[in-house]
PDB file of N, CA and C in Angstrom:
ATOM      1  N   UNK A   1     148.544  42.315 -66.762  1.00  0.00           N
ATOM      2  CA  UNK A   1     147.288  42.440 -66.059  1.00  0.00           C
ATOM      3  C   UNK A   1     146.925  41.136 -65.343  1.00  0.00           C
ATOM      4  N   UNK A   2     147.071  40.014 -66.042  1.00  0.00           N
ATOM      5  CA  UNK A   2     146.721  38.726 -65.438  1.00  0.00           C
ATOM      6  C   UNK A   2     147.552  38.450 -64.193  1.00  0.00           C
ATOM      7  N   UNK A   3     148.812  38.794 -64.264  1.00  0.00           N
ATOM      8  CA  UNK A   3     149.691  38.578 -63.104  1.00  0.00           C
ATOM      9  C   UNK A   3     149.194  39.356 -61.886  1.00  0.00           C
ATOM     10  N   UNK A   4     148.782  40.573 -62.109  1.00  0.00           N
ATOM     11  CA  UNK A   4     148.280  41.416 -61.012  1.00  0.00           C
ATOM     12  C   UNK A   4     146.971  40.851 -60.449  1.00  0.00           C
ATOM     13  N   UNK A   5     146.078  40.406 -61.314  1.00  0.00           N
ATOM     14  CA  UNK A   5     144.823  39.791 -60.865  1.00  0.00           C
ATOM     15  C   UNK A   5     145.120  38.553 -60.033  1.00  0.00           C
ATOM     16  N   UNK A   6     146.043  37.727 -60.497  1.00  0.00           N
ATOM     17  CA  UNK A   6     146.409  36.514 -59.758  1.00  0.00           C
ATOM     18  C   UNK A   6     146.996  36.852 -58.394  1.00  0.00           C
ATOM     19  N   UNK A   7     147.825  37.870 -58.369  1.00  0.00           N
ATOM     20  CA  UNK A   7     148.443  38.302 -57.108  1.00  0.00           C
ATOM     21  C   UNK A   7     147.373  38.733 -56.100  1.00  0.00           C
ATOM     22  N   UNK A   8     146.435  39.547 -56.554  1.00  0.00           N
ATOM     23  CA  UNK A   8     145.396  40.047 -55.658  1.00  0.00           C
ATOM     24  C   UNK A   8     144.435  38.931 -55.274  1.00  0.00           C
ATOM     25  N   UNK A   9     144.158  38.029 -56.197  1.00  0.00           N
ATOM     26  CA  UNK A   9     143.306  36.879 -55.874  1.00  0.00           C
ATOM     27  C   UNK A   9     143.938  36.044 -54.768  1.00  0.00           C
ATOM     28  N   UNK A  10     145.238  35.863 -54.838  1.00  0.00           N
ATOM     29  CA  UNK A  10     145.945  35.103 -53.801  1.00  0.00           C
ATOM     30  C   UNK A  10     145.880  35.828 -52.458  1.00  0.00           C
ATOM     31  N   UNK A  11     146.030  37.130 -52.470  1.00  0.00           N
ATOM     32  CA  UNK A  11     145.894  37.899 -51.228  1.00  0.00           C
ATOM     33  C   UNK A  11     144.495  37.741 -50.644  1.00  0.00           C
ATOM     34  N   UNK A  12     143.501  37.748 -51.500  1.00  0.00           N
ATOM     35  CA  UNK A  12     142.119  37.550 -51.055  1.00  0.00           C
ATOM     36  C   UNK A  12     141.959  36.169 -50.416  1.00  0.00           C
ATOM     37  N   UNK A  13     142.525  35.138 -51.032  1.00  0.00           N
ATOM     38  CA  UNK A  13     142.485  33.781 -50.449  1.00  0.00           C
ATOM     39  C   UNK A  13     143.126  33.759 -49.066  1.00  0.00           C
ATOM     40  N   UNK A  14     144.264  34.429 -48.948  1.00  0.00           N
ATOM     41  CA  UNK A  14     144.948  34.487 -47.651  1.00  0.00           C
ATOM     42  C   UNK A  14     144.076  35.183 -46.614  1.00  0.00           C
ATOM     43  N   UNK A  15     143.434  36.261 -47.011  1.00  0.00           N
ATOM     44  CA  UNK A  15     142.552  36.979 -46.089  1.00  0.00           C
ATOM     45  C   UNK A  15     141.398  36.090 -45.652  1.00  0.00           C
ATOM     46  N   UNK A  16     140.787  35.373 -46.599  1.00  0.00           N
ATOM     47  CA  UNK A  16     139.682  34.473 -46.248  1.00  0.00           C
ATOM     48  C   UNK A  16     140.119  33.452 -45.206  1.00  0.00           C
ATOM     49  N   UNK A  17     141.298  32.906 -45.386  1.00  0.00           N
ATOM     50  CA  UNK A  17     141.805  31.916 -44.433  1.00  0.00           C
ATOM     51  C   UNK A  17     142.018  32.552 -43.060  1.00  0.00           C
ATOM     52  N   UNK A  18     142.623  33.716 -43.038  1.00  0.00           N
ATOM     53  CA  UNK A  18     142.845  34.413 -41.766  1.00  0.00           C
ATOM     54  C   UNK A  18     141.524  34.809 -41.113  1.00  0.00           C
ATOM     55  N   UNK A  19     140.563  35.182 -41.922  1.00  0.00           N
ATOM     56  CA  UNK A  19     139.276  35.631 -41.404  1.00  0.00           C
ATOM     57  C   UNK A  19     138.521  34.511 -40.683  1.00  0.00           C
ATOM     58  N   UNK A  20     138.825  33.266 -41.006  1.00  0.00           N
ATOM     59  CA  UNK A  20     138.188  32.135 -40.326  1.00  0.00           C
ATOM     60  C   UNK A  20     138.458  32.167 -38.824  1.00  0.00           C
ATOM     61  N   UNK A  21     139.560  32.786 -38.429  1.00  0.00           N
ATOM     62  CA  UNK A  21     139.956  32.833 -37.018  1.00  0.00           C
ATOM     63  C   UNK A  21     139.485  34.089 -36.297  1.00  0.00           C
ATOM     64  N   UNK A  22     138.797  34.975 -36.985  1.00  0.00           N
ATOM     65  CA  UNK A  22     138.421  36.263 -36.392  1.00  0.00           C
ATOM     66  C   UNK A  22     137.582  36.108 -35.138  1.00  0.00           C
ATOM     67  N   UNK A  23     136.593  35.239 -35.179  1.00  0.00           N
ATOM     68  CA  UNK A  23     135.725  35.058 -34.013  1.00  0.00           C
ATOM     69  C   UNK A  23     136.516  34.528 -32.819  1.00  0.00           C
ATOM     70  N   UNK A  24     137.397  33.568 -33.070  1.00  0.00           N
ATOM     71  CA  UNK A  24     138.223  33.016 -31.995  1.00  0.00           C
ATOM     72  C   UNK A  24     139.127  34.093 -31.404  1.00  0.00           C
ATOM     73  N   UNK A  25     139.716  34.902 -32.265  1.00  0.00           N
ATOM     74  CA  UNK A  25     140.604  35.969 -31.796  1.00  0.00           C
ATOM     75  C   UNK A  25     139.836  36.961 -30.933  1.00  0.00           C
ATOM     76  N   UNK A  26     138.656  37.361 -31.382  1.00  0.00           N
ATOM     77  CA  UNK A  26     137.840  38.294 -30.595  1.00  0.00           C
ATOM     78  C   UNK A  26     137.430  37.681 -29.263  1.00  0.00           C
ATOM     79  N   UNK A  27     137.062  36.398 -29.281  1.00  0.00           N
ATOM     80  CA  UNK A  27     136.712  35.713 -28.030  1.00  0.00           C
ATOM     81  C   UNK A  27     137.890  35.710 -27.061  1.00  0.00           C
ATOM     82  N   UNK A  28     139.081  35.437 -27.584  1.00  0.00           N
ATOM     83  CA  UNK A  28     140.268  35.418 -26.733  1.00  0.00           C
ATOM     84  C   UNK A  28     140.566  36.800 -26.161  1.00  0.00           C
ATOM     85  N   UNK A  29     140.397  37.837 -26.962  1.00  0.00           N
ATOM     86  CA  UNK A  29     140.612  39.193 -26.457  1.00  0.00           C
ATOM     87  C   UNK A  29     139.609  39.530 -25.357  1.00  0.00           C
ATOM     88  N   UNK A  30     138.370  39.095 -25.527  1.00  0.00           N
ATOM     89  CA  UNK A  30     137.354  39.317 -24.481  1.00  0.00           C
ATOM     90  C   UNK A  30     137.712  38.556 -23.211  1.00  0.00           C
ATOM     91  N   UNK A  31     138.153  37.315 -23.356  1.00  0.00           N
ATOM     92  CA  UNK A  31     138.569  36.527 -22.186  1.00  0.00           C
ATOM     93  C   UNK A  31     139.742  37.192 -21.488  1.00  0.00           C
ATOM     94  N   UNK A  32     140.700  37.654 -22.264  1.00  0.00           N
ATOM     95  CA  UNK A  32     141.859  38.339 -21.683  1.00  0.00           C
ATOM     96  C   UNK A  32     141.412  39.543 -20.872  1.00  0.00           C
ATOM     97  N   UNK A  33     140.488  40.320 -21.438  1.00  0.00           N
ATOM     98  CA  UNK A  33     140.026  41.529 -20.770  1.00  0.00           C
ATOM     99  C   UNK A  33     139.328  41.199 -19.451  1.00  0.00           C
ATOM    100  N   UNK A  34     138.516  40.153 -19.441  1.00  0.00           N
ATOM    101  CA  UNK A  34     137.840  39.740 -18.204  1.00  0.00           C
ATOM    102  C   UNK A  34     138.859  39.329 -17.142  1.00  0.00           C
ATOM    103  N   UNK A  35     139.869  38.588 -17.561  1.00  0.00           N
ATOM    104  CA  UNK A  35     140.914  38.146 -16.627  1.00  0.00           C
ATOM    105  C   UNK A  35     141.696  39.343 -16.106  1.00  0.00           C
ATOM    106  N   UNK A  36     142.075  40.257 -16.996  1.00  0.00           N
ATOM    107  CA  UNK A  36     142.831  41.448 -16.589  1.00  0.00           C
ATOM    108  C   UNK A  36     142.049  42.247 -15.561  1.00  0.00           C
ATOM    109  N   UNK A  37     140.753  42.417 -15.776  1.00  0.00           N
ATOM    110  CA  UNK A  37     139.934  43.172 -14.821  1.00  0.00           C
ATOM    111  C   UNK A  37     139.978  42.532 -13.436  1.00  0.00           C
ATOM    112  N   UNK A  38     139.900  41.208 -13.387  1.00  0.00           N
ATOM    113  CA  UNK A  38     139.941  40.510 -12.094  1.00  0.00           C
ATOM    114  C   UNK A  38     141.321  40.607 -11.456  1.00  0.00           C
ATOM    115  N   UNK A  39     142.370  40.453 -12.263  1.00  0.00           N
ATOM    116  CA  UNK A  39     143.727  40.575 -11.730  1.00  0.00           C
ATOM    117  C   UNK A  39     143.977  41.984 -11.210  1.00  0.00           C
ATOM    118  N   UNK A  40     143.527  42.976 -11.953  1.00  0.00           N
ATOM    119  CA  UNK A  40     143.715  44.364 -11.542  1.00  0.00           C
ATOM    120  C   UNK A  40     142.932  44.674 -10.266  1.00  0.00           C
ATOM    121  N   UNK A  41     141.730  44.146 -10.163  1.00  0.00           N
ATOM    122  CA  UNK A  41     140.937  44.356  -8.946  1.00  0.00           C
ATOM    123  C   UNK A  41     141.668  43.776  -7.738  1.00  0.00           C
ATOM    124  N   UNK A  42     142.249  42.589  -7.890  1.00  0.00           N
ATOM    125  CA  UNK A  42     143.027  41.987  -6.805  1.00  0.00           C
ATOM    126  C   UNK A  42     144.246  42.844  -6.488  1.00  0.00           C
ATOM    127  N   UNK A  43     144.948  43.266  -7.545  1.00  0.00           N
ATOM    128  CA  UNK A  43     146.177  44.041  -7.368  1.00  0.00           C
ATOM    129  C   UNK A  43     145.903  45.358  -6.655  1.00  0.00           C
ATOM    130  N   UNK A  44     144.774  45.968  -6.961  1.00  0.00           N
ATOM    131  CA  UNK A  44     144.443  47.263  -6.369  1.00  0.00           C
ATOM    132  C   UNK A  44     143.792  47.150  -4.993  1.00  0.00           C
ATOM    133  N   UNK A  45     143.432  45.939  -4.582  1.00  0.00           N
ATOM    134  CA  UNK A  45     142.784  45.806  -3.274  1.00  0.00           C
ATOM    135  C   UNK A  45     143.614  44.939  -2.330  1.00  0.00           C
ATOM    136  N   UNK A  46     143.578  43.648  -2.509  1.00  0.00           N
ATOM    137  CA  UNK A  46     144.168  42.722  -1.540  1.00  0.00           C
ATOM    138  C   UNK A  46     145.672  42.507  -1.669  1.00  0.00           C
ATOM    139  N   UNK A  47     146.228  42.757  -2.853  1.00  0.00           N
ATOM    140  CA  UNK A  47     147.622  42.380  -3.090  1.00  0.00           C
ATOM    141  C   UNK A  47     148.575  42.924  -2.025  1.00  0.00           C
ATOM    142  N   UNK A  48     148.572  44.223  -1.793  1.00  0.00           N
ATOM    143  CA  UNK A  48     149.534  44.832  -0.859  1.00  0.00           C
ATOM    144  C   UNK A  48     149.340  44.288   0.548  1.00  0.00           C
ATOM    145  N   UNK A  49     148.100  44.130   0.958  1.00  0.00           N
ATOM    146  CA  UNK A  49     147.799  43.597   2.283  1.00  0.00           C
ATOM    147  C   UNK A  49     148.351  42.167   2.414  1.00  0.00           C
ATOM    148  N   UNK A  50     148.108  41.347   1.405  1.00  0.00           N
ATOM    149  CA  UNK A  50     148.603  39.971   1.425  1.00  0.00           C
ATOM    150  C   UNK A  50     150.126  39.946   1.373  1.00  0.00           C
ATOM    151  N   UNK A  51     150.696  40.786   0.508  1.00  0.00           N
ATOM    152  CA  UNK A  51     152.154  40.834   0.359  1.00  0.00           C
ATOM    153  C   UNK A  51     152.814  41.187   1.687  1.00  0.00           C
ATOM    154  N   UNK A  52     152.293  42.205   2.345  1.00  0.00           N
ATOM    155  CA  UNK A  52     152.856  42.621   3.632  1.00  0.00           C
ATOM    156  C   UNK A  52     152.709  41.527   4.682  1.00  0.00           C
ATOM    157  N   UNK A  53     151.577  40.841   4.682  1.00  0.00           N
ATOM    158  CA  UNK A  53     151.361  39.757   5.647  1.00  0.00           C
ATOM    159  C   UNK A  53     152.348  38.618   5.403  1.00  0.00           C
ATOM    160  N   UNK A  54     152.549  38.264   4.153  1.00  0.00           N
ATOM    161  CA  UNK A  54     153.501  37.194   3.818  1.00  0.00           C
ATOM    162  C   UNK A  54     154.914  37.630   4.173  1.00  0.00           C
ATOM    163  N   UNK A  55     155.240  38.871   3.857  1.00  0.00           N
ATOM    164  CA  UNK A  55     156.549  39.419   4.193  1.00  0.00           C
ATOM    165  C   UNK A  55     156.760  39.426   5.709  1.00  0.00           C
ATOM    166  N   UNK A  56     155.667  39.568   6.442  1.00  0.00           N
ATOM    167  CA  UNK A  56     155.729  39.566   7.902  1.00  0.00           C
ATOM    168  C   UNK A  56     155.705  38.182   8.513  1.00  0.00           C
ATOM    169  N   UNK A  57     155.649  37.147   7.683  1.00  0.00           N
ATOM    170  CA  UNK A  57     155.741  35.793   8.196  1.00  0.00           C
ATOM    171  C   UNK A  57     154.483  34.952   8.085  1.00  0.00           C
ATOM    172  N   UNK A  58     153.423  35.477   7.480  1.00  0.00           N
ATOM    173  CA  UNK A  58     152.203  34.678   7.314  1.00  0.00           C
ATOM    174  C   UNK A  58     152.529  33.416   6.525  1.00  0.00           C
ATOM    175  N   UNK A  59     151.972  32.315   6.957  1.00  0.00           N
ATOM    176  CA  UNK A  59     152.248  31.028   6.331  1.00  0.00           C
ATOM    177  C   UNK A  59     151.202  30.736   5.255  1.00  0.00           C
ATOM    178  N   UNK A  60     151.627  30.823   4.004  1.00  0.00           N
ATOM    179  CA  UNK A  60     150.761  30.482   2.871  1.00  0.00           C
ATOM    180  C   UNK A  60     151.564  29.645   1.884  1.00  0.00           C
ATOM    181  N   UNK A  61     150.879  28.826   1.127  1.00  0.00           N
ATOM    182  CA  UNK A  61     151.526  27.982   0.130  1.00  0.00           C
ATOM    183  C   UNK A  61     151.542  28.732  -1.200  1.00  0.00           C
ATOM    184  N   UNK A  62     152.714  29.106  -1.659  1.00  0.00           N
ATOM    185  CA  UNK A  62     152.856  29.833  -2.919  1.00  0.00           C
ATOM    186  C   UNK A  62     153.394  28.936  -4.034  1.00  0.00           C
ATOM    187  N   UNK A  63     153.243  27.621  -3.848  1.00  0.00           N
ATOM    188  CA  UNK A  63     153.672  26.667  -4.864  1.00  0.00           C
ATOM    189  C   UNK A  63     152.832  26.865  -6.125  1.00  0.00           C
ATOM    190  N   UNK A  64     153.479  26.851  -7.277  1.00  0.00           N
ATOM    191  CA  UNK A  64     152.770  27.010  -8.551  1.00  0.00           C
ATOM    192  C   UNK A  64     153.048  25.800  -9.433  1.00  0.00           C
ATOM    193  N   UNK A  65     152.502  25.818 -10.619  1.00  0.00           N
ATOM    194  CA  UNK A  65     152.735  24.747 -11.591  1.00  0.00           C
ATOM    195  C   UNK A  65     153.892  25.099 -12.523  1.00  0.00           C
ATOM    196  N   UNK A  66     154.756  25.998 -12.082  1.00  0.00           N
ATOM    197  CA  UNK A  66     155.929  26.374 -12.865  1.00  0.00           C
ATOM    198  C   UNK A  66     155.991  27.851 -13.199  1.00  0.00           C
ATOM    199  N   UNK A  67     154.855  28.514 -13.138  1.00  0.00           N
ATOM    200  CA  UNK A  67     154.840  29.951 -13.401  1.00  0.00           C
ATOM    201  C   UNK A  67     155.226  30.701 -12.135  1.00  0.00           C
ATOM    202  N   UNK A  68     155.495  31.993 -12.274  1.00  0.00           N
ATOM    203  CA  UNK A  68     155.772  32.807 -11.098  1.00  0.00           C
ATOM    204  C   UNK A  68     154.534  32.870 -10.217  1.00  0.00           C
ATOM    205  N   UNK A  69     154.739  33.000  -8.935  1.00  0.00           N
ATOM    206  CA  UNK A  69     153.628  33.210  -8.012  1.00  0.00           C
ATOM    207  C   UNK A  69     153.060  34.605  -8.227  1.00  0.00           C
ATOM    208  N   UNK A  70     151.757  34.732  -8.111  1.00  0.00           N
ATOM    209  CA  UNK A  70     151.141  36.054  -8.233  1.00  0.00           C
ATOM    210  C   UNK A  70     151.561  36.966  -7.096  1.00  0.00           C
ATOM    211  N   UNK A  71     152.142  36.401  -6.062  1.00  0.00           N
ATOM    212  CA  UNK A  71     152.599  37.211  -4.940  1.00  0.00           C
ATOM    213  C   UNK A  71     154.040  37.668  -5.103  1.00  0.00           C
ATOM    214  N   UNK A  72     154.719  37.232  -6.176  1.00  0.00           N
ATOM    215  CA  UNK A  72     156.050  37.780  -6.430  1.00  0.00           C
ATOM    216  C   UNK A  72     155.858  39.237  -6.842  1.00  0.00           C
ATOM    217  N   UNK A  73     156.849  40.052  -6.591  1.00  0.00           N
ATOM    218  CA  UNK A  73     156.670  41.497  -6.767  1.00  0.00           C
ATOM    219  C   UNK A  73     156.264  41.911  -8.175  1.00  0.00           C
ATOM    220  N   UNK A  74     156.758  41.235  -9.189  1.00  0.00           N
ATOM    221  CA  UNK A  74     156.547  41.721 -10.549  1.00  0.00           C
ATOM    222  C   UNK A  74     155.604  40.886 -11.406  1.00  0.00           C
ATOM    223  N   UNK A  75     155.145  39.747 -10.940  1.00  0.00           N
ATOM    224  CA  UNK A  75     154.342  38.861 -11.793  1.00  0.00           C
ATOM    225  C   UNK A  75     153.119  39.578 -12.362  1.00  0.00           C
ATOM    226  N   UNK A  76     152.282  40.114 -11.518  1.00  0.00           N
ATOM    227  CA  UNK A  76     151.072  40.781 -12.006  1.00  0.00           C
ATOM    228  C   UNK A  76     151.396  42.076 -12.738  1.00  0.00           C
ATOM    229  N   UNK A  77     152.356  42.811 -12.230  1.00  0.00           N
ATOM    230  CA  UNK A  77     152.742  44.060 -12.894  1.00  0.00           C
ATOM    231  C   UNK A  77     153.168  43.783 -14.328  1.00  0.00           C
ATOM    232  N   UNK A  78     153.957  42.719 -14.532  1.00  0.00           N
ATOM    233  CA  UNK A  78     154.401  42.358 -15.872  1.00  0.00           C
ATOM    234  C   UNK A  78     153.220  41.997 -16.769  1.00  0.00           C
ATOM    235  N   UNK A  79     152.213  41.342 -16.207  1.00  0.00           N
ATOM    236  CA  UNK A  79     151.009  41.031 -16.983  1.00  0.00           C
ATOM    237  C   UNK A  79     150.377  42.321 -17.497  1.00  0.00           C
ATOM    238  N   UNK A  80     150.240  43.298 -16.611  1.00  0.00           N
ATOM    239  CA  UNK A  80     149.603  44.556 -17.003  1.00  0.00           C
ATOM    240  C   UNK A  80     150.420  45.286 -18.067  1.00  0.00           C
ATOM    241  N   UNK A  81     151.730  45.272 -17.928  1.00  0.00           N
ATOM    242  CA  UNK A  81     152.599  45.922 -18.914  1.00  0.00           C
ATOM    243  C   UNK A  81     152.493  45.206 -20.258  1.00  0.00           C
ATOM    244  N   UNK A  82     152.559  43.884 -20.244  1.00  0.00           N
ATOM    245  CA  UNK A  82     152.480  43.123 -21.489  1.00  0.00           C
ATOM    246  C   UNK A  82     151.127  43.311 -22.167  1.00  0.00           C
ATOM    247  N   UNK A  83     150.073  43.358 -21.377  1.00  0.00           N
ATOM    248  CA  UNK A  83     148.741  43.558 -21.947  1.00  0.00           C
ATOM    249  C   UNK A  83     148.638  44.941 -22.587  1.00  0.00           C
ATOM    250  N   UNK A  84     149.158  45.948 -21.917  1.00  0.00           N
ATOM    251  CA  UNK A  84     149.148  47.303 -22.485  1.00  0.00           C
ATOM    252  C   UNK A  84     149.939  47.328 -23.787  1.00  0.00           C
ATOM    253  N   UNK A  85     151.100  46.679 -23.816  1.00  0.00           N
ATOM    254  CA  UNK A  85     151.908  46.648 -25.035  1.00  0.00           C
ATOM    255  C   UNK A  85     151.161  45.963 -26.174  1.00  0.00           C
ATOM    256  N   UNK A  86     150.442  44.882 -25.855  1.00  0.00           N
ATOM    257  CA  UNK A  86     149.654  44.190 -26.875  1.00  0.00           C
ATOM    258  C   UNK A  86     148.611  45.131 -27.469  1.00  0.00           C
ATOM    259  N   UNK A  87     147.887  45.827 -26.608  1.00  0.00           N
ATOM    260  CA  UNK A  87     146.841  46.720 -27.104  1.00  0.00           C
ATOM    261  C   UNK A  87     147.419  47.915 -27.853  1.00  0.00           C
ATOM    262  N   UNK A  88     148.590  48.363 -27.478  1.00  0.00           N
ATOM    263  CA  UNK A  88     149.247  49.435 -28.233  1.00  0.00           C
ATOM    264  C   UNK A  88     149.616  48.957 -29.634  1.00  0.00           C
ATOM    265  N   UNK A  89     150.102  47.724 -29.730  1.00  0.00           N
ATOM    266  CA  UNK A  89     150.431  47.157 -31.041  1.00  0.00           C
ATOM    267  C   UNK A  89     149.170  46.976 -31.881  1.00  0.00           C
ATOM    268  N   UNK A  90     148.098  46.494 -31.258  1.00  0.00           N
ATOM    269  CA  UNK A  90     146.835  46.344 -31.982  1.00  0.00           C
ATOM    270  C   UNK A  90     146.323  47.693 -32.475  1.00  0.00           C
ATOM    271  N   UNK A  91     146.460  48.706 -31.640  1.00  0.00           N
ATOM    272  CA  UNK A  91     146.018  50.043 -32.025  1.00  0.00           C
ATOM    273  C   UNK A  91     146.800  50.548 -33.238  1.00  0.00           C
ATOM    274  N   UNK A  92     148.105  50.284 -33.252  1.00  0.00           N
ATOM    275  CA  UNK A  92     148.922  50.689 -34.402  1.00  0.00           C
ATOM    276  C   UNK A  92     148.441  49.993 -35.675  1.00  0.00           C
ATOM    277  N   UNK A  93     148.055  48.722 -35.530  1.00  0.00           N
ATOM    278  CA  UNK A  93     147.611  47.962 -36.695  1.00  0.00           C
ATOM    279  C   UNK A  93     146.294  48.477 -37.263  1.00  0.00           C
ATOM    280  N   UNK A  94     145.404  48.939 -36.400  1.00  0.00           N
ATOM    281  CA  UNK A  94     144.083  49.336 -36.882  1.00  0.00           C
ATOM    282  C   UNK A  94     143.944  50.834 -37.122  1.00  0.00           C
ATOM    283  N   UNK A  95     144.920  51.610 -36.690  1.00  0.00           N
ATOM    284  CA  UNK A  95     144.859  53.058 -36.897  1.00  0.00           C
ATOM    285  C   UNK A  95     145.178  53.385 -38.347  1.00  0.00           C
ATOM    286  N   UNK A  96     144.393  54.281 -38.924  1.00  0.00           N
ATOM    287  CA  UNK A  96     144.707  54.675 -40.308  1.00  0.00           C
ATOM    288  C   UNK A  96     146.033  55.431 -40.348  1.00  0.00           C
ATOM    289  N   UNK A  97     146.752  55.213 -41.396  1.00  0.00           N
ATOM    290  CA  UNK A  97     148.059  55.887 -41.555  1.00  0.00           C
ATOM    291  C   UNK A  97     147.901  57.323 -41.961  1.00  0.00           C
TER     292      UNK A  97
END
Protein backbone atom coordinates (compact mmCIF):
# COMPACT_ATOMS: atom_id res chain seq x y z
CA UNK A 1 0.00 0.00 0.00
CA UNK A 2 2.75 2.46 0.93
CA UNK A 3 4.50 1.89 -2.37
CA UNK A 4 1.32 2.73 -4.28
CA UNK A 5 0.73 5.89 -2.21
CA UNK A 6 4.32 6.98 -2.86
CA UNK A 7 3.93 6.32 -6.57
CA UNK A 8 0.76 8.40 -6.81
CA UNK A 9 2.22 11.14 -4.63
CA UNK A 10 5.14 11.39 -7.05
CA UNK A 11 2.75 11.62 -10.00
CA UNK A 12 0.92 14.42 -8.19
CA UNK A 13 4.24 16.27 -7.68
CA UNK A 14 4.99 15.91 -11.39
CA UNK A 15 1.56 17.26 -12.27
CA UNK A 16 2.03 20.26 -9.96
CA UNK A 17 5.31 21.07 -11.68
CA UNK A 18 3.78 20.76 -15.14
CA UNK A 19 0.77 22.80 -14.08
CA UNK A 20 3.04 25.77 -13.33
CA UNK A 21 3.40 26.18 -17.11
CA UNK A 22 -0.31 25.98 -17.95
CA UNK A 23 -0.86 29.72 -18.20
CA UNK A 24 2.20 30.16 -20.42
CA UNK A 25 1.08 27.31 -22.66
CA UNK A 26 -2.41 28.78 -23.03
CA UNK A 27 -0.95 32.22 -23.76
CA UNK A 28 1.27 30.72 -26.46
CA UNK A 29 -1.68 28.89 -28.03
CA UNK A 30 -3.63 32.17 -28.09
CA UNK A 31 -0.68 33.97 -29.69
CA UNK A 32 -0.35 31.22 -32.26
CA UNK A 33 -4.03 31.49 -33.11
CA UNK A 34 -3.81 35.28 -33.58
CA UNK A 35 -0.80 34.86 -35.87
CA UNK A 36 -2.46 32.07 -37.86
CA UNK A 37 -5.54 34.24 -38.43
CA UNK A 38 -3.37 37.04 -39.83
CA UNK A 39 -1.32 34.68 -41.99
CA UNK A 40 -4.47 33.04 -43.32
CA UNK A 41 -6.05 36.41 -44.08
CA UNK A 42 -2.96 37.35 -46.11
CA UNK A 43 -2.89 33.96 -47.82
CA UNK A 44 -6.55 34.20 -48.80
CA UNK A 45 -6.32 37.78 -50.06
CA UNK A 46 -3.01 39.29 -51.19
CA UNK A 47 -0.77 36.23 -51.50
CA UNK A 48 -1.77 35.10 -55.01
CA UNK A 49 -1.77 38.66 -56.35
CA UNK A 50 1.70 39.30 -54.90
CA UNK A 51 2.99 35.90 -56.03
CA UNK A 52 1.85 36.50 -59.60
CA UNK A 53 3.35 39.99 -59.62
CA UNK A 54 6.70 38.69 -58.37
CA UNK A 55 6.55 35.83 -60.86
CA UNK A 56 5.92 38.46 -63.53
CA UNK A 57 9.05 40.37 -62.60
CA UNK A 58 8.01 42.75 -59.81
CA UNK A 59 11.07 43.84 -57.88
CA UNK A 60 10.75 43.09 -54.17
CA UNK A 61 13.29 42.15 -51.52
CA UNK A 62 12.55 38.64 -50.26
CA UNK A 63 15.66 38.43 -48.08
CA UNK A 64 14.93 36.74 -44.75
CA UNK A 65 16.84 36.06 -41.54
CA UNK A 66 17.30 32.42 -42.57
CA UNK A 67 13.73 31.19 -42.72
CA UNK A 68 11.85 30.57 -45.94
CA UNK A 69 10.26 33.61 -47.54
CA UNK A 70 6.52 33.83 -47.04
CA UNK A 71 6.32 34.22 -50.80
CA UNK A 72 7.80 30.78 -51.44
CA UNK A 73 5.08 28.44 -52.63
CA UNK A 74 4.88 26.23 -49.55
CA UNK A 75 6.04 28.32 -46.57
CA UNK A 76 2.62 29.50 -45.41
CA UNK A 77 0.85 26.35 -46.52
CA UNK A 78 3.24 24.30 -44.37
CA UNK A 79 2.46 26.55 -41.40
CA UNK A 80 -1.25 25.84 -41.80
CA UNK A 81 -0.67 22.09 -42.12
CA UNK A 82 1.62 21.98 -39.09
CA UNK A 83 -0.82 24.03 -37.03
CA UNK A 84 -3.69 21.70 -37.96
CA UNK A 85 -1.56 18.68 -37.02
CA UNK A 86 -0.76 20.27 -33.66
CA UNK A 87 -4.42 20.85 -32.89
CA UNK A 88 -5.31 17.32 -33.99
CA UNK A 89 -2.71 15.96 -31.56
CA UNK A 90 -4.04 18.21 -28.79
CA UNK A 91 -7.56 17.01 -29.51
CA UNK A 92 -6.43 13.39 -29.19
CA UNK A 93 -4.87 14.21 -25.83
CA UNK A 94 -7.98 15.83 -24.39
CA UNK A 95 -10.63 13.58 -25.92
CA UNK A 96 -12.00 10.96 -23.57
CA UNK A 97 -11.11 7.42 -24.56
